[in-house]
Amino acid sequence: MTEASNHNVRAVTRALAVLNSFAGKGLQSLAEVTAATGLDKGTTRRLLLTLMDSGFVAQDPATQHYRLGRAVRDLAANVADDYDLRDIALPVLTELAADLHVTAFLSVYDEGDVVCLARIHDMKGIEVHWWAVGGTLPYNCGGAPKLLLSYQSEEEIERVLQREPVALTPKSIVDRDKLRAALEKIRKRGWECAVDDVSIGLTALAVPVRGPSGDIACAISMAGLTPQTVQNGKPLHLKRLQAAAESVARRLRLAGGR
């Protein structure tokens, strides 16, 4: 009994070492995980396969490298905090979607990924399916990913830019120098309007939300058919979205002061 218990504890400890090796990293090769954990290659491979089976690790089909899986994110979404960002923003997103007949999103930056925390659709408008709750978009596509990346440090931006940009449509920016220039412009003006770069015919508009400390806490964005969201090259509902962002920020300040 003691022998079995010791074995089980050791196995859990090793699995946790594998998961912890991904801290601050996106993708890792088998050799990199092996080096980070100090385990032998065979043990590391078996642990990775076991964690893949349960969704805690995923494998990139192109490079065969490993990354954290969706099960980690699903668990993290249930971690209690001083306030629940999603619950605070949901009434504002619901009102925004109903008023403008769009799909409204709440998202956060997570070490190079921008994760969708909430998606609210108004039944009178077109429903935008391409960003599911818990899912991510390439950092160079969409309104919120580029917006939130633009507010990161230069070092973090350069780290993320080492990842290969993805061309979801011919409008996606894949040239890194152009991306740097775009990110600088986005940060200066405080919003991003992404036209046709995730799906042709759709436009996303995103603005930041500042938390109680003044840092960027999240982004709220909206997406819809381009003719309904852009006119003469300018976003139609920017002021409405900025007002919604300020409403979420006020709610966050109130929650932080409890």
Protein backbone atom coordinates (compact mmCIF):
# COMPACT_ATOMS: atom_id res chain seq x y z
CA MET A 1 0.00 0.00 0.00
CA THR A 2 2.79 2.39 0.94
CA GLU A 3 4.72 1.43 -2.18
CA ALA A 4 1.73 2.14 -4.43
CA SER A 5 1.05 5.46 -2.71
CA ASN A 6 4.65 6.55 -3.13
CA HIS A 7 4.50 5.61 -6.79
CA ASN A 8 1.31 7.61 -7.30
CA VAL A 9 2.72 10.69 -5.56
CA ARG A 10 5.89 10.50 -7.64
CA ALA A 11 3.86 10.23 -10.85
CA VAL A 12 1.77 13.26 -9.94
CA THR A 13 4.86 15.25 -9.01
CA ARG A 14 6.45 14.41 -12.35
CA ALA A 15 3.29 15.34 -14.27
CA LEU A 16 3.16 18.67 -12.45
CA ALA A 17 6.82 19.26 -13.31
CA VAL A 18 5.95 18.75 -16.98
CA LEU A 19 3.05 21.23 -16.77
CA ASN A 20 5.15 23.77 -14.86
CA SER A 21 7.87 23.58 -17.50
CA PHE A 22 5.54 25.51 -19.83
CA ALA A 23 5.48 28.59 -17.58
CA GLY A 24 6.33 31.61 -19.73
CA LYS A 25 6.59 29.47 -22.86
CA GLY A 26 4.29 28.79 -25.78
CA LEU A 27 5.62 25.69 -27.54
CA GLN A 28 8.29 23.24 -26.39
CA SER A 29 9.97 20.28 -28.04
CA LEU A 30 10.30 16.94 -26.29
CA ALA A 31 13.98 17.72 -25.70
CA GLU A 32 13.14 21.08 -24.11
CA VAL A 33 10.58 19.56 -21.74
CA THR A 34 13.05 16.80 -20.85
CA ALA A 35 15.77 19.34 -20.08
CA ALA A 36 13.43 21.56 -18.03
CA THR A 37 12.10 18.70 -15.86
CA GLY A 38 15.30 16.70 -15.48
CA LEU A 39 13.40 13.52 -16.37
CA ASP A 40 14.59 10.98 -18.91
CA LYS A 41 13.24 11.18 -22.44
CA GLY A 42 11.05 8.07 -22.25
CA THR A 43 9.36 9.14 -19.01
CA THR A 44 8.80 12.65 -20.37
CA ARG A 45 7.22 11.29 -23.54
CA ARG A 46 4.87 9.00 -21.60
CA LEU A 47 3.83 11.85 -19.31
CA LEU A 48 3.18 14.15 -22.27
CA LEU A 49 1.05 11.49 -23.98
CA THR A 50 -0.94 10.93 -20.78
CA LEU A 51 -1.50 14.66 -20.34
CA MET A 52 -2.53 14.92 -24.02
CA ASP A 53 -5.13 12.18 -23.50
CA SER A 54 -6.72 14.25 -20.72
CA GLY A 55 -6.51 17.55 -22.59
CA PHE A 56 -3.90 19.22 -20.38
CA VAL A 57 -1.29 19.19 -23.15
CA ALA A 58 -1.76 19.54 -26.92
CA GLN A 59 0.63 18.95 -29.82
CA ASP A 60 1.18 21.28 -32.74
CA PRO A 61 0.59 19.19 -35.88
CA ALA A 62 3.07 21.17 -37.96
CA THR A 63 6.09 21.28 -35.61
CA GLN A 64 5.24 18.32 -33.34
CA HIS A 65 6.04 20.60 -30.40
CA TYR A 66 3.89 20.65 -27.28
CA ARG A 67 1.84 23.34 -25.57
CA LEU A 68 -0.63 23.57 -22.72
CA GLY A 69 -4.07 22.25 -23.62
CA ARG A 70 -7.55 23.64 -23.19
CA ALA A 71 -8.18 21.70 -19.97
CA VAL A 72 -5.69 23.99 -18.21
CA ARG A 73 -7.58 27.05 -19.40
CA ASP A 74 -10.93 25.52 -18.40
CA LEU A 75 -9.66 24.94 -14.88
CA ALA A 76 -8.13 28.42 -14.70
CA ALA A 77 -11.49 29.93 -15.63
CA ASN A 78 -12.88 28.55 -12.36
CA VAL A 79 -10.21 30.03 -10.10
CA ALA A 80 -11.77 32.42 -7.60
CA ASP A 81 -10.44 35.98 -7.68
CA ASP A 82 -11.26 39.23 -5.93
CA TYR A 83 -13.84 39.76 -8.65
CA ASP A 84 -15.18 37.81 -11.60
CA LEU A 85 -14.31 39.79 -14.72
CA ARG A 86 -16.81 37.92 -16.86
CA ASP A 87 -19.73 38.49 -14.47
CA ILE A 88 -18.88 42.19 -14.19
CA ALA A 89 -18.70 42.72 -17.96
CA LEU A 90 -21.61 40.51 -19.03
CA PRO A 91 -24.46 43.05 -18.49
CA VAL A 92 -22.53 45.67 -20.48
CA LEU A 93 -21.80 43.25 -23.33
CA THR A 94 -25.43 42.11 -23.42
CA GLU A 95 -26.68 45.70 -23.70
CA LEU A 96 -24.07 46.49 -26.36
CA ALA A 97 -25.02 43.49 -28.50
CA ALA A 98 -28.74 44.26 -28.19
CA ASP A 99 -28.34 47.94 -29.04
CA LEU A 100 -26.16 47.47 -32.12
CA HIS A 101 -27.27 43.97 -33.25
CA VAL A 102 -23.70 42.67 -33.20
CA THR A 103 -21.68 39.96 -31.47
CA ALA A 104 -19.83 41.37 -28.45
CA PHE A 105 -16.68 39.83 -26.92
CA LEU A 106 -14.69 40.04 -23.70
CA SER A 107 -11.06 38.94 -23.89
CA VAL A 108 -7.81 38.97 -21.89
CA TYR A 109 -4.11 38.74 -22.72
CA ASP A 110 -2.39 35.55 -21.59
CA GLU A 111 1.35 35.27 -22.37
CA GLY A 112 1.08 35.83 -26.09
CA ASP A 113 -2.45 34.53 -26.51
CA VAL A 114 -5.65 36.54 -26.33
CA VAL A 115 -8.38 34.39 -24.80
CA CYS A 116 -12.11 34.94 -25.31
CA LEU A 117 -13.87 34.96 -21.93
CA ALA A 118 -17.37 35.78 -23.17
CA ARG A 119 -19.29 36.08 -26.44
CA ILE A 120 -22.75 37.63 -26.54
CA HIS A 121 -24.87 37.54 -29.68
CA ASP A 122 -27.99 39.54 -30.46
CA MET A 123 -30.60 37.45 -32.26
CA LYS A 124 -31.43 40.28 -34.70
CA GLY A 125 -27.90 40.48 -36.10
CA ILE A 126 -25.44 38.09 -37.70
CA GLU A 127 -23.78 35.76 -35.20
CA VAL A 128 -19.99 35.71 -35.46
CA HIS A 129 -18.79 32.16 -34.76
CA TRP A 130 -15.07 32.44 -35.41
CA TRP A 131 -14.00 33.12 -31.82
CA ALA A 132 -15.36 30.64 -29.28
CA VAL A 133 -15.33 31.14 -25.52
CA GLY A 134 -12.03 29.78 -24.22
CA GLY A 135 -10.50 29.98 -27.70
CA THR A 136 -7.72 32.16 -29.08
CA LEU A 137 -6.99 33.93 -32.36
CA PRO A 138 -3.60 34.46 -34.02
CA TYR A 139 -1.90 37.51 -32.50
CA ASN A 140 -1.82 39.28 -35.88
CA CYS A 141 -5.52 38.87 -36.70
CA GLY A 142 -8.68 40.41 -35.31
CA GLY A 143 -9.30 43.54 -33.27
CA ALA A 144 -8.70 42.40 -29.68
CA PRO A 145 -5.53 40.32 -30.27
CA LYS A 146 -3.68 43.20 -31.92
CA LEU A 147 -5.08 45.73 -29.45
CA LEU A 148 -4.02 43.83 -26.33
CA LEU A 149 -0.63 42.95 -27.78
CA SER A 150 -0.01 46.62 -28.56
CA TYR A 151 -0.15 47.45 -24.84
CA GLN A 152 2.55 44.94 -23.87
CA SER A 153 6.19 45.83 -23.28
CA GLU A 154 8.60 45.99 -26.22
CA GLU A 155 10.29 42.84 -24.95
CA GLU A 156 7.00 40.95 -24.80
CA ILE A 157 5.96 42.15 -28.26
CA GLU A 158 9.26 41.00 -29.73
CA ARG A 159 8.92 37.64 -27.98
CA VAL A 160 5.46 37.13 -29.47
CA LEU A 161 6.61 38.27 -32.92
CA GLN A 162 9.04 35.35 -32.96
CA ARG A 163 6.00 33.17 -33.56
CA GLU A 164 5.05 32.81 -37.20
CA PRO A 165 2.16 35.14 -38.14
CA VAL A 166 -0.89 33.36 -39.55
CA ALA A 167 -2.70 34.49 -42.71
CA LEU A 168 -6.38 33.77 -42.11
CA THR A 169 -7.30 35.91 -45.13
CA PRO A 170 -5.34 37.93 -47.73
CA LYS A 171 -5.98 40.97 -45.49
CA SER A 172 -4.08 39.49 -42.51
CA ILE A 173 -0.83 41.34 -41.77
CA VAL A 174 2.02 38.83 -41.86
CA ASP A 175 5.00 41.13 -42.37
CA ARG A 176 6.57 41.69 -38.94
CA ASP A 177 7.75 45.24 -39.66
CA LYS A 178 4.23 46.17 -40.76
CA LEU A 179 2.89 44.52 -37.61
CA ARG A 180 5.22 46.57 -35.42
CA ALA A 181 4.06 49.76 -37.11
CA ALA A 182 0.41 48.71 -36.79
CA LEU A 183 0.80 47.93 -33.08
CA GLU A 184 2.40 51.31 -32.41
CA LYS A 185 -0.45 53.06 -34.21
CA ILE A 186 -3.07 51.05 -32.30
CA ARG A 187 -1.54 51.89 -28.93
CA LYS A 188 -1.37 55.62 -29.73
CA ARG A 189 -4.98 55.89 -30.84
CA GLY A 190 -6.36 53.45 -28.24
CA TRP A 191 -8.49 51.24 -30.46
CA GLU A 192 -8.31 48.82 -33.36
CA CYS A 193 -10.63 48.26 -36.30
CA ALA A 194 -9.77 45.02 -38.11
CA VAL A 195 -11.43 44.72 -41.50
CA ASP A 196 -11.58 41.36 -43.30
CA ASP A 197 -8.44 39.96 -41.62
CA VAL A 198 -10.16 37.04 -39.87
CA SER A 199 -13.03 36.48 -42.30
CA ILE A 200 -13.81 38.36 -45.49
CA GLY A 201 -16.86 40.56 -45.06
CA LEU A 202 -16.57 40.86 -41.28
CA THR A 203 -15.06 43.66 -39.21
CA ALA A 204 -14.05 43.70 -35.54
CA LEU A 205 -13.69 46.84 -33.43
CA ALA A 206 -11.85 46.60 -30.08
CA VAL A 207 -11.05 48.98 -27.20
CA PRO A 208 -9.17 48.43 -23.92
CA VAL A 209 -10.60 48.37 -20.40
CA ARG A 210 -8.44 49.62 -17.54
CA GLY A 211 -8.59 47.93 -14.17
CA PRO A 212 -8.57 49.59 -10.73
CA SER A 213 -4.75 49.93 -10.82
CA GLY A 214 -4.81 51.67 -14.22
CA ASP A 215 -3.35 48.71 -16.11
CA ILE A 216 -5.11 47.18 -19.10
CA ALA A 217 -7.38 44.52 -17.58
CA CYS A 218 -9.09 43.26 -20.72
CA ALA A 219 -10.59 44.27 -24.04
CA ILE A 220 -14.15 44.47 -25.19
CA SER A 221 -14.87 44.18 -28.87
CA MET A 222 -17.68 43.78 -31.32
CA ALA A 223 -17.90 42.12 -34.69
CA GLY A 224 -20.38 42.26 -37.52
CA LEU A 225 -20.79 42.68 -41.24
CA THR A 226 -18.38 45.29 -42.56
CA PRO A 227 -21.09 47.58 -44.07
CA GLN A 228 -22.77 47.71 -40.65
CA THR A 229 -19.61 48.57 -38.74
CA VAL A 230 -17.46 50.69 -41.08
CA GLN A 231 -18.35 53.71 -43.21
CA ASN A 232 -15.87 55.64 -45.36
CA GLY A 233 -13.06 53.72 -43.73
CA LYS A 234 -14.06 54.74 -40.19
CA PRO A 235 -15.68 52.63 -37.45
CA LEU A 236 -19.30 53.57 -36.93
CA HIS A 237 -19.69 52.62 -33.27
CA LEU A 238 -16.37 53.61 -31.71
CA LYS A 239 -17.84 56.08 -29.18
CA ARG A 240 -20.49 53.57 -28.15
CA LEU A 241 -17.86 50.88 -27.61
CA GLN A 242 -15.62 53.26 -25.65
CA ALA A 243 -18.56 54.17 -23.42
CA ALA A 244 -19.16 50.46 -22.81
CA ALA A 245 -15.48 50.02 -21.91
CA GLU A 246 -15.68 52.86 -19.41
CA SER A 247 -18.79 51.27 -17.91
CA VAL A 248 -16.91 48.00 -17.39
CA ALA A 249 -13.97 49.94 -15.91
CA ARG A 250 -16.28 51.66 -13.41
CA ARG A 251 -17.72 48.29 -12.40
CA LEU A 252 -14.20 46.95 -11.91
CA ARG A 253 -13.27 49.93 -9.70
CA LEU A 254 -16.37 49.36 -7.58
CA ALA A 255 -15.60 45.64 -7.29
CA GLY A 256 -12.00 46.38 -6.38
CA GLY A 257 -13.11 48.70 -3.61
CA ARG A 258 -15.23 46.15 -1.81
